Amino acid sequence: MTADMMEVLVGAEYDSISKQLKSPGNPIKIEDGMGKYEVQTGGQGEQTLKGVIKFKKPTGEYEYYPFSTTYMVAAPSVAVEPEKMNVFYIGVENPVVVSAAGVSPTDLQVSISGGGGKIVPKGGGKYIVTVTTPGECKISVSAKTKDGVKPQGPPKVFRVKRIPDPLPKLGGKPANGVMEMPKLQLGSIGGVGAEVPGFDFDVKFPVLEFTFSAVVKGSLKEFKCTGANLSPEAKAVLQSLAPGGKCYFENIKVKAPDGSVRTLSTVSLKVK
C-alpha cells in the first residue's frame, strides 16, 4: 500500500450522515502501511487518541474509518541512589548515582534544595552531595531534550542528619559506659579515642580534651588532659590502681566532621 492511498488523521472528526470530514485533523507519518504517532505528553495516566483513517479506493473515491484508542503515560523512571546510606550526613561527602530511563548521563541536569545542600557532578551519572542543616532535602532531575529541559518525575526526598555521636575507646576497644580490664592490660591505655561503630563513612573524631580521675589511698586524684593522650601524671595513677580499683574518663570532648564540638559519655573503668 502506497502512502498516497491512505492517511491517518489524528484529531479529525467524521460526519457519518454527510460522509465528510467535519475537521481535517493532522496527518501522521506512514511507514510500511502503518501510521506512526509520536507526541510530547502533557500529563500522566490514561490518554485518549481519536482520529480518522482516510482510504483511497481504486476508483479514486475515499472511505473514512473513525477510530478511538487509549494509551497510558507513565511517570518518568528516575533513580537517585546513595552509594552508602539512604540518608545524607552533615560533614561528609555523600556519593549518589543518578539515572533516568532512556537519557544519557551527560543530558541530565540535577539540582538540590533544602538541607543547605550542594551537589557536584563527578561524571558518568555520579555526584557528590554535601549538606549542612538537619531536616530534609530534595533532589530534582531534568533532561535536556530537543524541546527543551524536561523534569523527569517529582523530586526525590532525603533526610539530612548529623553523624551519630561516637563511642569512647580505651585500649583500642569501644567503651560504652562501663568496662572492666585486667591490671596487666592497663598498659594498653595511652589515652582516649572515639569512633562510630558500624558507620559506613570513614570519619574521624579527634579528641580535644578529657578529664581523668581516680581515688588513690582515699584521696581523689583528678587530671585534665589536653588532646587524646593521658598526661604522665594521669598515666602513673592509672598504672598504680590495684584490682577492684576504679577510674573515670569524663568530659571527653571531640571535634566532629561538621566542625562542632561534642561531649561524650563518661567511661567508668574497673580493674580486675
C-alpha atoms as a PDB file:
ATOM      1  CA  MET A   1       0.000   0.000   0.000  1.00  0.00           C
ATOM      2  CA  THR A   2       1.463   3.355  -1.011  1.00  0.00           C
ATOM      3  CA  ALA A   3       1.347   6.447   1.184  1.00  0.00           C
ATOM      4  CA  ASP A   4      -0.962   8.288  -1.257  1.00  0.00           C
ATOM      5  CA  MET A   5      -3.642   5.616  -0.759  1.00  0.00           C
ATOM      6  CA  MET A   6      -4.035   6.144   2.989  1.00  0.00           C
ATOM      7  CA  GLU A   7      -3.844   8.937   5.513  1.00  0.00           C
ATOM      8  CA  VAL A   8      -4.124   8.724   9.281  1.00  0.00           C
ATOM      9  CA  LEU A   9      -5.574  11.995  10.517  1.00  0.00           C
ATOM     10  CA  VAL A  10      -5.172  12.485  14.270  1.00  0.00           C
ATOM     11  CA  GLY A  11      -7.847  14.729  15.756  1.00  0.00           C
ATOM     12  CA  ALA A  12     -10.043  14.587  12.647  1.00  0.00           C
ATOM     13  CA  GLU A  13     -13.829  14.226  13.026  1.00  0.00           C
ATOM     14  CA  TYR A  14     -16.097  12.358  10.608  1.00  0.00           C
ATOM     15  CA  ASP A  15     -19.775  13.067   9.934  1.00  0.00           C
ATOM     16  CA  SER A  16     -21.416   9.714   9.153  1.00  0.00           C
ATOM     17  CA  ILE A  17     -24.516  11.434   7.721  1.00  0.00           C
ATOM     18  CA  SER A  18     -22.791  13.658   5.191  1.00  0.00           C
ATOM     19  CA  LYS A  19     -19.927  11.175   4.926  1.00  0.00           C
ATOM     20  CA  GLN A  20     -17.476  14.062   5.046  1.00  0.00           C
ATOM     21  CA  LEU A  21     -14.816  15.258   7.466  1.00  0.00           C
ATOM     22  CA  LYS A  22     -16.037  17.901   9.906  1.00  0.00           C
ATOM     23  CA  SER A  23     -12.448  18.779  10.855  1.00  0.00           C
ATOM     24  CA  PRO A  24      -9.313  17.777   8.924  1.00  0.00           C
ATOM     25  CA  GLY A  25      -7.041  16.772  11.819  1.00  0.00           C
ATOM     26  CA  ASN A  26      -3.293  16.359  11.423  1.00  0.00           C
ATOM     27  CA  PRO A  27      -1.741  13.663   9.227  1.00  0.00           C
ATOM     28  CA  ILE A  28       0.950  11.445  10.731  1.00  0.00           C
ATOM     29  CA  LYS A  29       3.818   9.634   9.077  1.00  0.00           C
ATOM     30  CA  ILE A  30       3.016   6.372   7.247  1.00  0.00           C
ATOM     31  CA  GLU A  31       5.663   3.639   7.147  1.00  0.00           C
ATOM     32  CA  ASP A  32       5.077   0.140   5.749  1.00  0.00           C
ATOM     33  CA  GLY A  33       1.345   0.708   5.729  1.00  0.00           C
ATOM     34  CA  MET A  34       1.228   1.840   9.356  1.00  0.00           C
ATOM     35  CA  GLY A  35       0.842   5.258  10.895  1.00  0.00           C
ATOM     36  CA  LYS A  36       3.469   6.184  13.496  1.00  0.00           C
ATOM     37  CA  TYR A  37       2.322   8.600  16.165  1.00  0.00           C
ATOM     38  CA  GLU A  38       4.799  10.497  18.361  1.00  0.00           C
ATOM     39  CA  VAL A  39       3.905  13.265  20.775  1.00  0.00           C
ATOM     40  CA  GLN A  40       5.295  15.024  23.836  1.00  0.00           C
ATOM     41  CA  THR A  41       2.982  14.130  26.696  1.00  0.00           C
ATOM     42  CA  GLY A  42       1.435  16.798  28.849  1.00  0.00           C
ATOM     43  CA  GLY A  43       0.337  14.598  31.745  1.00  0.00           C
ATOM     44  CA  GLN A  44       0.420  11.145  33.262  1.00  0.00           C
ATOM     45  CA  GLY A  45      -2.230   8.428  33.302  1.00  0.00           C
ATOM     46  CA  GLU A  46      -4.654   7.212  30.639  1.00  0.00           C
ATOM     47  CA  GLN A  47      -4.821   9.356  27.493  1.00  0.00           C
ATOM     48  CA  THR A  48      -7.291   9.169  24.584  1.00  0.00           C
ATOM     49  CA  LEU A  49      -6.332   9.356  20.922  1.00  0.00           C
ATOM     50  CA  LYS A  50      -9.043   9.920  18.278  1.00  0.00           C
ATOM     51  CA  GLY A  51      -8.978  10.436  14.549  1.00  0.00           C
ATOM     52  CA  VAL A  52      -9.939   9.153  11.128  1.00  0.00           C
ATOM     53  CA  ILE A  53      -8.243   6.835   8.632  1.00  0.00           C
ATOM     54  CA  LYS A  54      -8.776   8.158   5.112  1.00  0.00           C
ATOM     55  CA  PHE A  55      -8.521   5.402   2.493  1.00  0.00           C
ATOM     56  CA  LYS A  56      -8.440   5.976  -1.288  1.00  0.00           C
ATOM     57  CA  LYS A  57     -10.228   3.292  -3.299  1.00  0.00           C
ATOM     58  CA  PRO A  58      -9.074   2.253  -6.788  1.00  0.00           C
ATOM     59  CA  THR A  59     -11.984   4.295  -8.184  1.00  0.00           C
ATOM     60  CA  GLY A  60     -10.463   7.437  -6.711  1.00  0.00           C
ATOM     61  CA  GLU A  61     -13.184   7.795  -4.088  1.00  0.00           C
ATOM     62  CA  TYR A  62     -12.398   7.994  -0.391  1.00  0.00           C
ATOM     63  CA  GLU A  63     -13.657   5.925   2.500  1.00  0.00           C
ATOM     64  CA  TYR A  64     -13.356   7.090   6.108  1.00  0.00           C
ATOM     65  CA  TYR A  65     -12.826   4.957   9.199  1.00  0.00           C
ATOM     66  CA  PRO A  66     -13.086   6.793  12.518  1.00  0.00           C
ATOM     67  CA  PHE A  67     -11.043   5.361  15.390  1.00  0.00           C
ATOM     68  CA  SER A  68     -10.573   5.932  19.089  1.00  0.00           C
ATOM     69  CA  THR A  69      -7.958   4.345  21.347  1.00  0.00           C
ATOM     70  CA  THR A  70      -6.346   4.889  24.725  1.00  0.00           C
ATOM     71  CA  TYR A  71      -2.778   4.689  25.913  1.00  0.00           C
ATOM     72  CA  MET A  72      -1.034   5.040  29.270  1.00  0.00           C
ATOM     73  CA  VAL A  73       1.590   7.649  30.087  1.00  0.00           C
ATOM     74  CA  ALA A  74       3.779   6.520  32.960  1.00  0.00           C
ATOM     75  CA  ALA A  75       5.871   8.742  35.184  1.00  0.00           C
ATOM     76  CA  PRO A  76       9.495   9.089  34.012  1.00  0.00           C
ATOM     77  CA  SER A  77      11.702   6.413  35.517  1.00  0.00           C
ATOM     78  CA  VAL A  78      14.331   8.172  37.608  1.00  0.00           C
ATOM     79  CA  ALA A  79      16.697   6.708  40.174  1.00  0.00           C
ATOM     80  CA  VAL A  80      18.676   8.702  42.735  1.00  0.00           C
ATOM     81  CA  GLU A  81      20.647   6.118  44.706  1.00  0.00           C
ATOM     82  CA  PRO A  82      23.015   6.952  47.579  1.00  0.00           C
ATOM     83  CA  GLU A  83      26.056   4.687  47.373  1.00  0.00           C
ATOM     84  CA  LYS A  84      26.484   4.329  51.137  1.00  0.00           C
ATOM     85  CA  MET A  85      23.383   5.088  53.246  1.00  0.00           C
ATOM     86  CA  ASN A  86      19.851   6.244  52.453  1.00  0.00           C
ATOM     87  CA  VAL A  87      20.455   9.412  54.490  1.00  0.00           C
ATOM     88  CA  PHE A  88      22.639  12.424  53.786  1.00  0.00           C
ATOM     89  CA  TYR A  89      25.025  13.161  56.660  1.00  0.00           C
ATOM     90  CA  ILE A  90      26.398  16.556  57.581  1.00  0.00           C
ATOM     91  CA  GLY A  91      30.166  16.947  57.428  1.00  0.00           C
ATOM     92  CA  VAL A  92      30.976  14.208  54.905  1.00  0.00           C
ATOM     93  CA  GLU A  93      30.768  13.735  51.145  1.00  0.00           C
ATOM     94  CA  ASN A  94      27.675  11.692  50.298  1.00  0.00           C
ATOM     95  CA  PRO A  95      28.112   9.901  46.938  1.00  0.00           C
ATOM     96  CA  VAL A  96      24.990   9.314  44.817  1.00  0.00           C
ATOM     97  CA  VAL A  97      24.270   7.828  41.397  1.00  0.00           C
ATOM     98  CA  VAL A  98      21.565   9.459  39.240  1.00  0.00           C
ATOM     99  CA  SER A  99      19.966   7.868  36.179  1.00  0.00           C
ATOM    100  CA  ALA A 100      16.865   8.342  34.040  1.00  0.00           C
ATOM    101  CA  ALA A 101      15.453   5.772  31.638  1.00  0.00           C
ATOM    102  CA  GLY A 102      16.473   6.480  28.049  1.00  0.00           C
ATOM    103  CA  VAL A 103      18.561   9.536  28.935  1.00  0.00           C
ATOM    104  CA  SER A 104      22.328   9.782  28.684  1.00  0.00           C
ATOM    105  CA  PRO A 105      24.016  10.912  31.932  1.00  0.00           C
ATOM    106  CA  THR A 106      25.506  13.844  30.003  1.00  0.00           C
ATOM    107  CA  ASP A 107      21.980  15.114  29.249  1.00  0.00           C
ATOM    108  CA  LEU A 108      20.851  15.152  32.884  1.00  0.00           C
ATOM    109  CA  GLN A 109      20.516  18.301  34.946  1.00  0.00           C
ATOM    110  CA  VAL A 110      20.495  17.562  38.680  1.00  0.00           C
ATOM    111  CA  SER A 111      19.824  20.100  41.429  1.00  0.00           C
ATOM    112  CA  ILE A 112      19.278  20.037  45.190  1.00  0.00           C
ATOM    113  CA  SER A 113      17.172  22.178  47.532  1.00  0.00           C
ATOM    114  CA  GLY A 114      16.924  22.204  51.312  1.00  0.00           C
ATOM    115  CA  GLY A 115      19.339  20.989  53.953  1.00  0.00           C
ATOM    116  CA  GLY A 116      21.892  23.606  52.920  1.00  0.00           C
ATOM    117  CA  GLY A 117      22.743  21.150  50.163  1.00  0.00           C
ATOM    118  CA  LYS A 118      25.173  21.306  47.275  1.00  0.00           C
ATOM    119  CA  ILE A 119      25.568  18.694  44.540  1.00  0.00           C
ATOM    120  CA  VAL A 120      28.648  18.368  42.339  1.00  0.00           C
ATOM    121  CA  PRO A 121      28.840  16.115  39.231  1.00  0.00           C
ATOM    122  CA  LYS A 122      31.739  13.672  39.046  1.00  0.00           C
ATOM    123  CA  GLY A 123      30.938  12.174  35.626  1.00  0.00           C
ATOM    124  CA  GLY A 124      29.171   9.026  34.494  1.00  0.00           C
ATOM    125  CA  GLY A 125      25.999   9.805  36.437  1.00  0.00           C
ATOM    126  CA  LYS A 126      27.888  10.079  39.749  1.00  0.00           C
ATOM    127  CA  TYR A 127      27.526  13.049  42.083  1.00  0.00           C
ATOM    128  CA  ILE A 128      28.731  14.227  45.491  1.00  0.00           C
ATOM    129  CA  VAL A 129      26.171  15.737  47.878  1.00  0.00           C
ATOM    130  CA  THR A 130      27.169  17.873  50.861  1.00  0.00           C
ATOM    131  CA  VAL A 131      24.646  19.185  53.393  1.00  0.00           C
ATOM    132  CA  THR A 132      24.795  21.490  56.418  1.00  0.00           C
ATOM    133  CA  THR A 133      21.341  21.614  58.052  1.00  0.00           C
ATOM    134  CA  PRO A 134      19.335  18.740  59.619  1.00  0.00           C
ATOM    135  CA  GLY A 135      15.883  18.098  58.171  1.00  0.00           C
ATOM    136  CA  GLU A 136      15.112  17.201  54.569  1.00  0.00           C
ATOM    137  CA  CYS A 137      16.442  17.953  51.122  1.00  0.00           C
ATOM    138  CA  LYS A 138      15.095  17.297  47.634  1.00  0.00           C
ATOM    139  CA  ILE A 139      16.981  16.254  44.514  1.00  0.00           C
ATOM    140  CA  SER A 140      15.372  17.198  41.203  1.00  0.00           C
ATOM    141  CA  VAL A 141      16.319  15.588  37.897  1.00  0.00           C
ATOM    142  CA  SER A 142      15.663  17.092  34.462  1.00  0.00           C
ATOM    143  CA  ALA A 143      16.752  16.034  30.989  1.00  0.00           C
ATOM    144  CA  LYS A 144      17.844  18.103  28.011  1.00  0.00           C
ATOM    145  CA  THR A 145      15.634  17.222  25.030  1.00  0.00           C
ATOM    146  CA  LYS A 146      15.054  18.654  21.583  1.00  0.00           C
ATOM    147  CA  ASP A 147      12.091  20.551  23.028  1.00  0.00           C
ATOM    148  CA  GLY A 148      13.998  21.983  25.975  1.00  0.00           C
ATOM    149  CA  VAL A 149      14.694  20.861  29.530  1.00  0.00           C
ATOM    150  CA  LYS A 150      12.022  18.479  30.855  1.00  0.00           C
ATOM    151  CA  PRO A 151      11.574  17.376  34.512  1.00  0.00           C
ATOM    152  CA  GLN A 152      11.987  13.623  34.983  1.00  0.00           C
ATOM    153  CA  GLY A 153       9.344  12.968  37.608  1.00  0.00           C
ATOM    154  CA  PRO A 154       8.882  14.518  41.062  1.00  0.00           C
ATOM    155  CA  PRO A 155      11.855  15.417  43.283  1.00  0.00           C
ATOM    156  CA  LYS A 156      13.350  12.680  45.464  1.00  0.00           C
ATOM    157  CA  VAL A 157      13.260  13.441  49.188  1.00  0.00           C
ATOM    158  CA  PHE A 158      16.097  12.516  51.569  1.00  0.00           C
ATOM    159  CA  ARG A 159      16.603  13.012  55.286  1.00  0.00           C
ATOM    160  CA  VAL A 160      19.553  15.118  56.416  1.00  0.00           C
ATOM    161  CA  LYS A 161      21.099  14.110  59.736  1.00  0.00           C
ATOM    162  CA  ARG A 162      24.099  14.748  61.927  1.00  0.00           C
ATOM    163  CA  ILE A 163      26.604  11.940  62.163  1.00  0.00           C
ATOM    164  CA  PRO A 164      25.801   9.928  65.321  1.00  0.00           C
ATOM    165  CA  ASP A 165      27.879  10.590  68.409  1.00  0.00           C
ATOM    166  CA  PRO A 166      30.864   8.266  68.612  1.00  0.00           C
ATOM    167  CA  LEU A 167      31.704   5.968  71.495  1.00  0.00           C
ATOM    168  CA  PRO A 168      34.874   6.499  73.513  1.00  0.00           C
ATOM    169  CA  LYS A 169      37.632   3.916  73.040  1.00  0.00           C
ATOM    170  CA  LEU A 170      40.075   2.703  75.670  1.00  0.00           C
ATOM    171  CA  GLY A 171      42.931   0.444  74.719  1.00  0.00           C
ATOM    172  CA  GLY A 172      41.537   0.208  71.185  1.00  0.00           C
ATOM    173  CA  LYS A 173      38.150  -1.100  72.413  1.00  0.00           C
ATOM    174  CA  PRO A 174      34.770   0.717  72.350  1.00  0.00           C
ATOM    175  CA  ALA A 175      33.809   1.738  75.892  1.00  0.00           C
ATOM    176  CA  ASN A 176      30.071   2.190  76.340  1.00  0.00           C
ATOM    177  CA  GLY A 177      29.661   3.474  79.892  1.00  0.00           C
ATOM    178  CA  VAL A 178      31.306   0.771  81.990  1.00  0.00           C
ATOM    179  CA  MET A 179      34.156  -1.587  81.175  1.00  0.00           C
ATOM    180  CA  GLU A 180      36.480  -3.919  83.016  1.00  0.00           C
ATOM    181  CA  MET A 181      40.115  -4.661  82.286  1.00  0.00           C
ATOM    182  CA  PRO A 182      42.787  -6.859  83.925  1.00  0.00           C
ATOM    183  CA  LYS A 183      45.571  -4.885  85.622  1.00  0.00           C
ATOM    184  CA  LEU A 184      48.103  -6.433  83.232  1.00  0.00           C
ATOM    185  CA  GLN A 185      46.328  -4.742  80.302  1.00  0.00           C
ATOM    186  CA  LEU A 186      46.268  -1.231  81.778  1.00  0.00           C
ATOM    187  CA  GLY A 187      49.474  -0.503  79.893  1.00  0.00           C
ATOM    188  CA  SER A 188      47.469  -0.636  76.625  1.00  0.00           C
ATOM    189  CA  ILE A 189      45.624   2.531  77.624  1.00  0.00           C
ATOM    190  CA  GLY A 190      47.585   5.530  76.467  1.00  0.00           C
ATOM    191  CA  GLY A 191      44.596   7.854  76.265  1.00  0.00           C
ATOM    192  CA  VAL A 192      41.116   8.091  74.794  1.00  0.00           C
ATOM    193  CA  GLY A 193      39.898   7.536  71.218  1.00  0.00           C
ATOM    194  CA  ALA A 194      36.469   7.814  69.582  1.00  0.00           C
ATOM    195  CA  GLU A 195      34.640   6.077  66.745  1.00  0.00           C
ATOM    196  CA  VAL A 196      31.116   5.384  65.446  1.00  0.00           C
ATOM    197  CA  PRO A 197      30.747   1.572  65.354  1.00  0.00           C
ATOM    198  CA  GLY A 198      29.389   0.178  62.081  1.00  0.00           C
ATOM    199  CA  PHE A 199      29.246   3.567  60.333  1.00  0.00           C
ATOM    200  CA  ASP A 200      29.696   3.348  56.555  1.00  0.00           C
ATOM    201  CA  PHE A 201      31.748   6.546  56.271  1.00  0.00           C
ATOM    202  CA  ASP A 202      35.375   6.800  57.275  1.00  0.00           C
ATOM    203  CA  VAL A 203      35.020   9.673  59.741  1.00  0.00           C
ATOM    204  CA  LYS A 204      37.437  10.991  62.341  1.00  0.00           C
ATOM    205  CA  PHE A 205      36.546  12.421  65.747  1.00  0.00           C
ATOM    206  CA  PRO A 206      39.837  13.759  67.167  1.00  0.00           C
ATOM    207  CA  VAL A 207      39.806  14.069  70.945  1.00  0.00           C
ATOM    208  CA  LEU A 208      40.364  17.646  72.109  1.00  0.00           C
ATOM    209  CA  GLU A 209      40.493  17.081  75.881  1.00  0.00           C
ATOM    210  CA  PHE A 210      39.197  14.910  78.715  1.00  0.00           C
ATOM    211  CA  THR A 211      39.389  14.588  82.490  1.00  0.00           C
ATOM    212  CA  PHE A 212      40.876  11.512  84.177  1.00  0.00           C
ATOM    213  CA  SER A 213      40.120  10.827  87.850  1.00  0.00           C
ATOM    214  CA  ALA A 214      40.650   8.046  90.370  1.00  0.00           C
ATOM    215  CA  VAL A 215      40.630   7.537  94.131  1.00  0.00           C
ATOM    216  CA  VAL A 216      44.071   6.585  95.379  1.00  0.00           C
ATOM    217  CA  LYS A 217      44.511   5.786  99.101  1.00  0.00           C
ATOM    218  CA  GLY A 218      41.272   7.567  99.923  1.00  0.00           C
ATOM    219  CA  SER A 219      42.201  10.716  98.031  1.00  0.00           C
ATOM    220  CA  LEU A 220      40.631  11.848  94.733  1.00  0.00           C
ATOM    221  CA  LYS A 221      43.172  12.500  92.031  1.00  0.00           C
ATOM    222  CA  GLU A 222      41.909  14.456  89.011  1.00  0.00           C
ATOM    223  CA  PHE A 223      43.815  15.425  85.875  1.00  0.00           C
ATOM    224  CA  LYS A 224      42.684  17.468  82.886  1.00  0.00           C
ATOM    225  CA  CYS A 225      44.369  16.062  79.785  1.00  0.00           C
ATOM    226  CA  THR A 226      44.765  18.033  76.562  1.00  0.00           C
ATOM    227  CA  GLY A 227      44.439  16.067  73.338  1.00  0.00           C
ATOM    228  CA  ALA A 228      43.862  12.324  73.215  1.00  0.00           C
ATOM    229  CA  ASN A 229      46.728  11.177  75.464  1.00  0.00           C
ATOM    230  CA  LEU A 230      46.920  10.727  79.210  1.00  0.00           C
ATOM    231  CA  SER A 231      49.287  13.135  80.897  1.00  0.00           C
ATOM    232  CA  PRO A 232      52.334  11.456  82.504  1.00  0.00           C
ATOM    233  CA  GLU A 233      50.843  12.082  85.985  1.00  0.00           C
ATOM    234  CA  ALA A 234      47.466  10.590  84.999  1.00  0.00           C
ATOM    235  CA  LYS A 235      49.121   7.562  83.431  1.00  0.00           C
ATOM    236  CA  ALA A 236      51.123   6.934  86.590  1.00  0.00           C
ATOM    237  CA  VAL A 237      47.927   6.969  88.676  1.00  0.00           C
ATOM    238  CA  LEU A 238      46.234   4.577  86.236  1.00  0.00           C
ATOM    239  CA  GLN A 239      49.148   2.151  86.488  1.00  0.00           C
ATOM    240  CA  SER A 240      49.041   2.281  90.278  1.00  0.00           C
ATOM    241  CA  LEU A 241      45.445   1.020  90.524  1.00  0.00           C
ATOM    242  CA  ALA A 242      45.026  -2.369  92.199  1.00  0.00           C
ATOM    243  CA  PRO A 243      42.383  -4.977  91.231  1.00  0.00           C
ATOM    244  CA  GLY A 244      38.973  -3.678  92.337  1.00  0.00           C
ATOM    245  CA  GLY A 245      40.041  -0.090  91.834  1.00  0.00           C
ATOM    246  CA  LYS A 246      38.116   2.285  89.574  1.00  0.00           C
ATOM    247  CA  CYS A 247      38.958   5.268  87.449  1.00  0.00           C
ATOM    248  CA  TYR A 248      36.907   7.610  85.278  1.00  0.00           C
ATOM    249  CA  PHE A 249      37.281   9.293  81.897  1.00  0.00           C
ATOM    250  CA  GLU A 250      34.934  12.292  81.890  1.00  0.00           C
ATOM    251  CA  ASN A 251      34.124  15.406  79.852  1.00  0.00           C
ATOM    252  CA  ILE A 252      35.568  13.791  76.719  1.00  0.00           C
ATOM    253  CA  LYS A 253      35.353  16.476  74.052  1.00  0.00           C
ATOM    254  CA  VAL A 254      35.769  15.572  70.381  1.00  0.00           C
ATOM    255  CA  LYS A 255      35.613  17.539  67.148  1.00  0.00           C
ATOM    256  CA  ALA A 256      33.009  16.218  64.699  1.00  0.00           C
ATOM    257  CA  PRO A 257      33.497  16.258  60.903  1.00  0.00           C
ATOM    258  CA  ASP A 258      30.991  19.138  60.679  1.00  0.00           C
ATOM    259  CA  GLY A 259      33.246  21.250  62.916  1.00  0.00           C
ATOM    260  CA  SER A 260      31.085  21.041  66.039  1.00  0.00           C
ATOM    261  CA  VAL A 261      32.465  20.001  69.431  1.00  0.00           C
ATOM    262  CA  ARG A 262      30.667  17.129  71.140  1.00  0.00           C
ATOM    263  CA  THR A 263      30.938  15.842  74.688  1.00  0.00           C
ATOM    264  CA  LEU A 264      30.873  12.049  75.001  1.00  0.00           C
ATOM    265  CA  SER A 265      29.524   9.929  77.821  1.00  0.00           C
ATOM    266  CA  THR A 266      31.647   9.157  80.886  1.00  0.00           C
ATOM    267  CA  VAL A 267      33.529   5.864  80.960  1.00  0.00           C
ATOM    268  CA  SER A 268      33.983   4.048  84.249  1.00  0.00           C
ATOM    269  CA  LEU A 269      36.864   1.572  84.202  1.00  0.00           C
ATOM    270  CA  LYS A 270      37.152  -1.152  86.837  1.00  0.00           C
ATOM    271  CA  VAL A 271      40.426  -3.023  87.277  1.00  0.00           C
ATOM    272  CA  LYS A 272      40.095  -6.814  87.526  1.00  0.00           C
END
